[in-house]
Amino acid sequence: MRIALLVAASMLAAAPLLAQPLPIEGDGATREQPCAGRDVTIPGNGNTLTLTGGCGSITVLGNDNRVQAELGTNAVITMTGNNNTVTWTAFSGASAPQSRIQGNGNRVAPGRP
């Protein structure tokens, strides 16, 4: 019984860590990043990113970013910077994301699976 309680407690303690948003910081980077269902925030500029694994919502705060993303269920793409492009595909049958776009020259488009 004591072991079961310790295991349950450790799982509950780890749960908030798994749900934390994934910030992708920096400027001018080219990289692939697994999301594992987490929300992603991109505050940098001039990045080329490939996000895999059923990302939650994506928020692009910077400028001139190019993002390809596999999105999970109920994803939302938010852009407040300028000249950003997010190309998305649905991960495991997820529906199309909602888009909330501010700024100039921002674009959201479906990509090829």
C-alpha atoms as a PDB file:
ATOM      1  CA  MET A   1       0.000   0.000   0.000  1.00  0.00           C
ATOM      2  CA  ARG A   2       2.790   2.406   0.907  1.00  0.00           C
ATOM      3  CA  ILE A   3       4.541   1.787  -2.452  1.00  0.00           C
ATOM      4  CA  ALA A   4       1.300   2.431  -4.351  1.00  0.00           C
ATOM      5  CA  LEU A   5       0.882   5.749  -2.548  1.00  0.00           C
ATOM      6  CA  LEU A   6       4.461   6.778  -3.334  1.00  0.00           C
ATOM      7  CA  VAL A   7       4.012   5.909  -7.015  1.00  0.00           C
ATOM      8  CA  ALA A   8       0.716   7.816  -7.198  1.00  0.00           C
ATOM      9  CA  ALA A   9       2.236  10.845  -5.466  1.00  0.00           C
ATOM     10  CA  SER A  10       5.225  10.912  -7.811  1.00  0.00           C
ATOM     11  CA  MET A  11       2.937  10.721 -10.851  1.00  0.00           C
ATOM     12  CA  LEU A  12       0.848  13.637  -9.579  1.00  0.00           C
ATOM     13  CA  ALA A  13       3.963  15.686  -8.896  1.00  0.00           C
ATOM     14  CA  ALA A  14       5.253  15.080 -12.440  1.00  0.00           C
ATOM     15  CA  ALA A  15       1.957  15.895 -14.184  1.00  0.00           C
ATOM     16  CA  PRO A  16       2.354  19.715 -14.020  1.00  0.00           C
ATOM     17  CA  LEU A  17       5.831  19.427 -15.530  1.00  0.00           C
ATOM     18  CA  LEU A  18       4.493  17.583 -18.549  1.00  0.00           C
ATOM     19  CA  ALA A  19       1.819  20.210 -19.144  1.00  0.00           C
ATOM     20  CA  GLN A  20       4.215  23.187 -19.085  1.00  0.00           C
ATOM     21  CA  PRO A  21       4.341  25.216 -22.321  1.00  0.00           C
ATOM     22  CA  LEU A  22       7.411  24.695 -24.461  1.00  0.00           C
ATOM     23  CA  PRO A  23       9.206  27.984 -25.180  1.00  0.00           C
ATOM     24  CA  ILE A  24      11.402  27.967 -28.258  1.00  0.00           C
ATOM     25  CA  GLU A  25      13.710  30.903 -27.777  1.00  0.00           C
ATOM     26  CA  GLY A  26      16.457  32.413 -29.849  1.00  0.00           C
ATOM     27  CA  ASP A  27      16.861  34.085 -33.218  1.00  0.00           C
ATOM     28  CA  GLY A  28      17.828  32.667 -36.590  1.00  0.00           C
ATOM     29  CA  ALA A  29      17.657  29.019 -35.526  1.00  0.00           C
ATOM     30  CA  THR A  30      16.740  26.053 -37.718  1.00  0.00           C
ATOM     31  CA  ARG A  31      15.602  23.049 -35.730  1.00  0.00           C
ATOM     32  CA  GLU A  32      13.154  20.211 -35.260  1.00  0.00           C
ATOM     33  CA  GLN A  33      11.401  20.014 -31.904  1.00  0.00           C
ATOM     34  CA  PRO A  34       9.026  17.334 -30.590  1.00  0.00           C
ATOM     35  CA  CYS A  35       6.046  18.868 -28.777  1.00  0.00           C
ATOM     36  CA  ALA A  36       4.591  15.747 -27.167  1.00  0.00           C
ATOM     37  CA  GLY A  37       1.191  17.439 -26.950  1.00  0.00           C
ATOM     38  CA  ARG A  38       2.488  20.590 -25.248  1.00  0.00           C
ATOM     39  CA  ASP A  39       1.665  24.189 -26.156  1.00  0.00           C
ATOM     40  CA  VAL A  40       4.506  26.028 -27.888  1.00  0.00           C
ATOM     41  CA  THR A  41       5.545  29.692 -27.589  1.00  0.00           C
ATOM     42  CA  ILE A  42       7.931  31.236 -30.125  1.00  0.00           C
ATOM     43  CA  PRO A  43       9.164  34.671 -28.983  1.00  0.00           C
ATOM     44  CA  GLY A  44      12.197  34.841 -31.291  1.00  0.00           C
ATOM     45  CA  ASN A  45      12.779  36.148 -34.804  1.00  0.00           C
ATOM     46  CA  GLY A  46      13.867  34.585 -38.087  1.00  0.00           C
ATOM     47  CA  ASN A  47      13.536  30.952 -37.000  1.00  0.00           C
ATOM     48  CA  THR A  48      12.748  27.955 -39.205  1.00  0.00           C
ATOM     49  CA  LEU A  49      11.067  25.336 -37.016  1.00  0.00           C
ATOM     50  CA  THR A  50       9.558  21.894 -37.519  1.00  0.00           C
ATOM     51  CA  LEU A  51       7.322  20.903 -34.612  1.00  0.00           C
ATOM     52  CA  THR A  52       6.307  17.252 -34.361  1.00  0.00           C
ATOM     53  CA  GLY A  53       4.185  15.048 -32.145  1.00  0.00           C
ATOM     54  CA  GLY A  54       0.745  16.612 -31.902  1.00  0.00           C
ATOM     55  CA  CYS A  55       1.475  20.070 -30.557  1.00  0.00           C
ATOM     56  CA  GLY A  56      -1.132  21.871 -28.512  1.00  0.00           C
ATOM     57  CA  SER A  57      -1.599  25.534 -29.275  1.00  0.00           C
ATOM     58  CA  ILE A  58       1.145  27.556 -30.967  1.00  0.00           C
ATOM     59  CA  THR A  59       1.810  31.202 -30.132  1.00  0.00           C
ATOM     60  CA  VAL A  60       4.195  33.153 -32.376  1.00  0.00           C
ATOM     61  CA  LEU A  61       5.256  36.433 -30.785  1.00  0.00           C
ATOM     62  CA  GLY A  62       8.308  37.227 -32.919  1.00  0.00           C
ATOM     63  CA  ASN A  63       8.806  38.214 -36.550  1.00  0.00           C
ATOM     64  CA  ASP A  64       9.851  36.414 -39.751  1.00  0.00           C
ATOM     65  CA  ASN A  65       9.426  32.873 -38.395  1.00  0.00           C
ATOM     66  CA  ARG A  66       8.657  29.853 -40.601  1.00  0.00           C
ATOM     67  CA  VAL A  67       6.950  27.026 -38.709  1.00  0.00           C
ATOM     68  CA  GLN A  68       5.778  23.597 -39.864  1.00  0.00           C
ATOM     69  CA  ALA A  69       3.713  21.918 -37.162  1.00  0.00           C
ATOM     70  CA  GLU A  70       1.838  18.689 -36.483  1.00  0.00           C
ATOM     71  CA  LEU A  71      -1.136  19.851 -34.434  1.00  0.00           C
ATOM     72  CA  GLY A  72      -3.226  17.910 -31.969  1.00  0.00           C
ATOM     73  CA  THR A  73      -6.903  18.156 -31.112  1.00  0.00           C
ATOM     74  CA  ASN A  74      -8.351  21.619 -30.337  1.00  0.00           C
ATOM     75  CA  ALA A  75      -5.160  23.435 -31.346  1.00  0.00           C
ATOM     76  CA  VAL A  76      -5.138  27.216 -31.687  1.00  0.00           C
ATOM     77  CA  ILE A  77      -2.549  29.177 -33.672  1.00  0.00           C
ATOM     78  CA  THR A  78      -1.997  32.714 -32.355  1.00  0.00           C
ATOM     79  CA  MET A  79       0.294  35.224 -34.060  1.00  0.00           C
ATOM     80  CA  THR A  80       1.031  38.736 -32.830  1.00  0.00           C
ATOM     81  CA  GLY A  81       4.302  39.411 -34.641  1.00  0.00           C
ATOM     82  CA  ASN A  82       4.808  40.218 -38.320  1.00  0.00           C
ATOM     83  CA  ASN A  83       5.645  38.205 -41.446  1.00  0.00           C
ATOM     84  CA  ASN A  84       5.278  34.770 -39.850  1.00  0.00           C
ATOM     85  CA  THR A  85       4.084  31.622 -41.613  1.00  0.00           C
ATOM     86  CA  VAL A  86       2.670  28.542 -39.879  1.00  0.00           C
ATOM     87  CA  THR A  87       2.000  25.523 -42.067  1.00  0.00           C
ATOM     88  CA  TRP A  88       0.150  22.792 -40.192  1.00  0.00           C
ATOM     89  CA  THR A  89      -0.898  19.165 -40.544  1.00  0.00           C
ATOM     90  CA  ALA A  90      -3.329  17.307 -38.308  1.00  0.00           C
ATOM     91  CA  PHE A  91      -1.739  14.765 -35.963  1.00  0.00           C
ATOM     92  CA  SER A  92      -3.687  11.510 -35.508  1.00  0.00           C
ATOM     93  CA  GLY A  93      -6.891  12.758 -37.126  1.00  0.00           C
ATOM     94  CA  ALA A  94      -7.122  16.088 -35.285  1.00  0.00           C
ATOM     95  CA  SER A  95      -9.385  18.752 -36.763  1.00  0.00           C
ATOM     96  CA  ALA A  96      -8.246  22.033 -38.314  1.00  0.00           C
ATOM     97  CA  PRO A  97      -6.923  24.555 -35.789  1.00  0.00           C
ATOM     98  CA  GLN A  98      -8.475  27.876 -34.903  1.00  0.00           C
ATOM     99  CA  SER A  99      -6.422  30.910 -35.925  1.00  0.00           C
ATOM    100  CA  ARG A 100      -6.049  34.200 -34.083  1.00  0.00           C
ATOM    101  CA  ILE A 101      -3.921  36.492 -36.193  1.00  0.00           C
ATOM    102  CA  GLN A 102      -2.761  40.029 -35.465  1.00  0.00           C
ATOM    103  CA  GLY A 103       0.150  41.881 -36.983  1.00  0.00           C
ATOM    104  CA  ASN A 104       1.044  42.270 -40.649  1.00  0.00           C
ATOM    105  CA  GLY A 105       1.957  39.677 -43.247  1.00  0.00           C
ATOM    106  CA  ASN A 106       1.130  36.642 -41.091  1.00  0.00           C
ATOM    107  CA  ARG A 107      -0.123  33.479 -42.783  1.00  0.00           C
ATOM    108  CA  VAL A 108      -1.599  30.158 -41.613  1.00  0.00           C
ATOM    109  CA  ALA A 109      -2.047  27.369 -44.155  1.00  0.00           C
ATOM    110  CA  PRO A 110      -2.640  23.612 -44.173  1.00  0.00           C
ATOM    111  CA  GLY A 111       0.337  21.581 -45.285  1.00  0.00           C
ATOM    112  CA  ARG A 112       0.681  18.138 -46.765  1.00  0.00           C
ATOM    113  CA  PRO A 113       0.415  15.213 -44.355  1.00  0.00           C
END
